[in-house]
Protein backbone atom coordinates (compact mmCIF):
# COMPACT_ATOMS: atom_id res chain seq x y z
CA MET A 1 0.00 0.00 0.00
CA PRO A 2 1.57 3.38 -0.97
CA HIS A 3 2.22 5.91 1.75
CA PRO A 4 -0.10 8.92 1.86
CA GLU A 5 1.40 12.18 0.75
CA LEU A 6 2.29 14.55 3.54
CA PRO A 7 -0.48 17.15 3.79
CA TYR A 8 1.39 20.43 3.84
CA SER A 9 1.56 23.44 1.55
CA GLU A 10 4.88 24.96 0.48
CA PRO A 11 6.18 27.96 2.49
CA ALA A 12 7.59 30.95 0.69
CA PHE A 13 11.06 30.55 2.23
CA ALA A 14 11.48 26.89 1.26
CA ASN A 15 14.92 25.48 0.56
CA PRO A 16 15.28 25.51 -3.27
CA ALA A 17 17.07 22.17 -3.19
CA PHE A 18 13.85 20.54 -1.98
CA ALA A 19 11.42 22.66 -4.01
CA GLU A 20 8.09 21.23 -5.15
CA PRO A 21 5.36 22.58 -7.42
CA ALA A 22 2.96 24.93 -5.65
CA PHE A 23 -0.22 23.32 -4.33
CA ALA A 24 -3.65 24.68 -5.16
CA GLU A 25 -5.25 22.94 -2.18
CA PRO A 26 -5.55 24.66 1.20
CA ALA A 27 -3.27 23.68 4.09
CA PHE A 28 -3.78 20.11 5.36
CA ALA A 29 -5.56 19.10 2.13
CA GLU A 30 -4.18 16.05 0.35
CA PRO A 31 -1.69 17.52 -2.17
CA THR A 32 -1.53 16.50 -5.80
CA PHE A 33 1.74 17.07 -7.59
CA ALA A 34 1.75 18.75 -10.99
CA ASP A 35 4.34 17.88 -13.61
CA PRO A 36 7.54 19.87 -12.99
CA ASP A 37 7.87 23.15 -14.82
CA PRO A 38 10.91 22.86 -17.14
CA ALA A 39 11.88 26.37 -16.10
CA ASP A 40 12.17 25.27 -12.50
CA ALA A 41 15.56 23.56 -12.48
CA TRP A 42 15.24 22.10 -9.01
CA ASN A 43 12.11 20.19 -10.02
CA ALA A 44 14.05 18.40 -12.78
CA PRO A 45 15.36 14.88 -12.19
CA PRO A 46 18.77 14.96 -10.48
CA SER A 47 20.57 13.98 -13.69
CA GLN A 48 19.11 17.03 -15.45
CA ALA A 49 19.50 19.54 -12.62
CA PRO A 50 22.21 22.16 -13.21
CA ARG A 51 25.42 21.96 -11.26
CA ARG A 52 25.75 24.73 -8.71
CA PRO A 53 28.86 25.55 -6.69
CA ARG A 54 29.02 23.20 -3.73
CA PRO A 55 30.87 24.04 -0.55
CA ARG A 56 33.23 21.35 0.66
CA PRO A 57 31.63 19.54 3.61
CA ALA A 58 33.42 20.00 6.90
CA ARG A 59 35.71 17.16 7.86
CA SER A 60 34.27 14.83 10.45
CA ARG A 61 35.90 13.25 13.45
CA THR A 62 34.42 9.94 12.30
CA PRO A 63 34.45 8.17 8.93
CA ALA A 64 32.13 9.73 6.37
CA ALA A 65 29.41 7.24 7.23
CA VAL A 66 26.57 9.67 7.90
CA GLY A 67 25.72 13.02 6.34
CA TRP A 68 23.67 15.69 8.09
CA VAL A 69 21.33 17.61 5.76
CA LYS A 70 19.50 20.68 7.02
CA ALA A 71 15.98 21.11 5.70
CA HIS A 72 16.13 24.86 6.37
CA GLY A 73 18.39 27.49 7.88
CA GLY A 74 18.97 27.24 11.62
CA ALA A 75 17.89 23.62 11.82
CA GLY A 76 20.79 22.61 14.06
CA ALA A 77 22.49 20.15 11.70
CA SER A 78 25.94 21.72 12.10
CA THR A 79 25.71 21.60 15.88
CA LEU A 80 24.63 17.96 15.85
CA ALA A 81 27.39 17.00 13.42
CA LYS A 82 29.99 18.57 15.71
CA ALA A 83 28.52 16.92 18.78
CA LEU A 84 27.91 13.44 17.40
CA GLY A 85 30.18 13.09 14.38
CA GLY A 86 29.43 12.67 10.72
CA VAL A 87 29.63 15.13 7.85
CA ASP A 88 27.81 18.47 7.79
CA ILE A 89 26.47 18.54 4.22
CA GLY A 90 24.51 21.79 4.50
CA ASP A 91 21.31 22.67 2.68
CA ARG A 92 21.67 20.33 -0.28
CA TRP A 93 21.65 16.63 -1.04
CA PRO A 94 24.96 14.78 -0.88
CA GLU A 95 26.11 12.93 -3.98
CA PRO A 96 27.41 9.43 -3.19
CA SER A 97 28.83 9.18 -6.72
CA ARG A 98 31.27 11.94 -5.71
CA GLY A 99 32.32 10.17 -2.55
CA GLU A 100 29.90 11.94 -0.21
CA PRO A 101 27.92 10.02 2.42
CA GLY A 102 24.95 8.09 1.11
CA ARG A 103 23.39 7.58 4.53
CA ILE A 104 21.74 10.78 5.67
CA LEU A 105 19.90 12.42 8.54
CA VAL A 106 17.57 15.28 7.58
CA VAL A 107 17.30 17.90 10.33
CA GLY A 108 14.56 20.46 10.96
CA ARG A 109 12.96 22.41 13.79
CA THR A 110 9.58 21.59 15.27
CA ASN A 111 7.94 24.91 14.46
CA ALA A 112 5.43 25.02 11.60
CA GLU A 113 7.90 26.24 8.99
CA GLY A 114 10.54 23.72 10.05
CA LEU A 115 8.15 20.79 9.84
CA GLN A 116 6.97 22.03 6.46
CA SER A 117 10.54 22.01 5.16
CA VAL A 118 11.17 18.54 6.58
CA ALA A 119 8.02 17.27 4.84
CA GLN A 120 9.22 18.80 1.58
CA ALA A 121 12.59 17.09 1.87
CA LEU A 122 10.92 13.78 2.66
CA ASN A 123 8.59 14.07 -0.32
CA ALA A 124 11.56 14.90 -2.56
CA LEU A 125 13.30 11.71 -1.46
CA ARG A 126 10.20 9.57 -1.93
CA GLU A 127 9.49 11.00 -5.39
CA GLY A 128 13.01 10.54 -6.74
CA ARG A 129 13.90 14.23 -6.83
CA ALA A 130 17.22 13.62 -5.09
CA PRO A 131 20.47 11.97 -6.20
CA GLY A 132 20.42 8.20 -6.38
CA GLY A 133 22.02 6.08 -3.70
CA LEU A 134 20.72 8.00 -0.68
CA ASP A 135 19.56 6.09 2.39
CA LEU A 136 17.50 8.10 4.87
CA LEU A 137 18.42 6.84 8.34
CA SER A 138 16.07 9.20 10.15
CA LEU A 139 14.47 12.61 10.27
CA VAL A 140 15.80 14.60 13.21
CA LEU A 141 13.32 17.06 14.71
CA VAL A 142 14.96 19.63 16.98
CA ALA A 143 12.78 21.38 19.56
CA ASP A 144 12.30 25.05 18.68
CA ALA A 145 11.22 26.04 22.21
CA PRO A 146 10.97 24.52 25.68
CA GLY A 147 7.82 22.70 26.71
CA ARG A 148 5.32 20.51 24.90
CA LEU A 149 4.37 21.03 21.30
CA PRO A 150 0.98 22.57 20.52
CA PHE A 151 -1.54 20.02 19.29
CA SER A 152 -1.33 21.11 15.65
CA LEU A 153 2.45 20.70 15.58
CA ALA A 154 2.36 17.41 17.48
CA ARG A 155 -0.11 16.16 14.87
CA ARG A 156 2.29 17.07 12.06
CA VAL A 157 5.09 15.21 13.83
CA ARG A 158 2.88 12.12 14.04
CA VAL A 159 2.07 12.32 10.32
CA ILE A 160 5.75 12.65 9.41
CA GLY A 161 6.61 9.80 11.78
CA SER A 162 4.10 7.54 10.04
CA VAL A 163 6.15 7.80 6.84
CA ALA A 164 9.78 7.78 8.05
CA PRO A 165 11.81 7.17 11.23
CA VAL A 166 11.98 10.20 13.51
CA HIS A 167 14.40 11.13 16.28
CA ARG A 168 13.41 14.00 18.56
CA VAL A 169 16.02 16.34 20.04
CA PRO A 170 14.80 18.11 23.20
CA TRP A 171 15.26 21.77 24.01
CA ILE A 172 18.87 22.10 25.25
CA PRO A 173 19.54 25.76 26.22
CA ALA A 174 23.33 25.36 26.42
CA LEU A 175 23.53 24.46 22.74
CA ARG A 176 22.24 27.92 21.79
CA VAL A 177 25.48 29.50 23.02
CA GLY A 178 27.83 26.78 21.85
CA GLY A 179 27.99 24.94 25.16
CA ARG A 180 28.32 21.21 25.63
CA PRO A 181 26.06 20.23 28.53
CA LYS A 182 27.35 17.35 30.64
CA ASP A 183 24.20 15.33 30.05
CA LEU A 184 24.26 15.78 26.27
CA ALA A 185 25.10 12.12 25.75
CA ASP A 186 22.06 11.09 27.78
CA GLN A 187 19.72 13.51 26.00
CA LEU A 188 20.88 12.38 22.58
CA ALA A 189 21.66 8.76 23.41
CA ASP A 190 19.46 7.17 20.74
CA LEU A 191 20.66 9.52 18.02
CA ALA A 192 24.31 9.11 19.07
CA ALA A 193 23.88 5.34 18.94
CA LEU A 194 22.47 5.56 15.40
CA VAL A 195 25.37 7.70 14.17
CA GLY A 196 27.96 5.62 16.02
CA HIS A 197 26.53 2.35 14.75
CA HIS A 198 27.01 3.32 11.13
CA ALA A 199 30.46 4.78 11.78
CA ASP A 200 31.48 1.50 13.43
CA ASN A 201 30.14 -0.46 10.46
CA ASP A 202 32.28 1.63 8.10
CA ARG A 203 35.37 1.10 10.23
CA GLU A 204 34.78 -2.65 10.21
CA GLY A 205 34.36 -2.62 6.44
CA GLU A 206 37.60 -0.68 5.96
CA SER A 207 39.56 -3.08 8.17
CA ARG A 208 38.56 -6.15 6.18
C-alpha cells in the first residue's frame, strides 16, 4: 500500500534544493503534484539539474558514514554534526557518486515552517527528486522552544513519523550559546547510537 502524501503546503522561504510545485489545495488538504515546470531547475530529475557551486563539507571526526542535511536554515544540523560526528552537508543533497555520504539524517525544527521544510525534503526523497544512492536513516526534529508542542504541531510530527523514522532532540539551552552540557550524551543517546553504529560499520568494512 503506498504511503499517503504529507499534507502540507509549500512555504515561501522553502529550501530551493527541496522545491516542489505549488499546491492549489488549502493547508492540510491532500496535495496532488503537478508535472515539474521545465523552467524550475530544481524540479528536474537529479541527472538534469544544473550543477551549482558546492561548498566542501566539513571534515568529520568519524568516517564519512553519515551526512547531516538541514531542511532549512537554523535547523541545528551543524551543531549535531559537531557533537555526534558525521559530515555536515549543509542545505543540499549529498552525492554518493562523488564520494559523499549516502546515509543521511535530515534535520529540521519543530515549528510550523521547520516541519513544512522537513516534509518537503521527505517528499523529494520519496518521489526521486534527489540523487540516487541515498539512504534516509532518520528525520531529526529539533525542539524550537521549551515545553510541549501545541496540538497542531504534534499532529504534524505524528504524520511525518508515520512515513519515516523520527528522532526528537529536546530543548537544550546550552547548545544555543555553543555549550556542551554534561548530560548531552544522555539527552541524545538514541541519536548518538544511530550515528555511532554506522560509523562502526564503516570502520569494520575498511579493516577487512
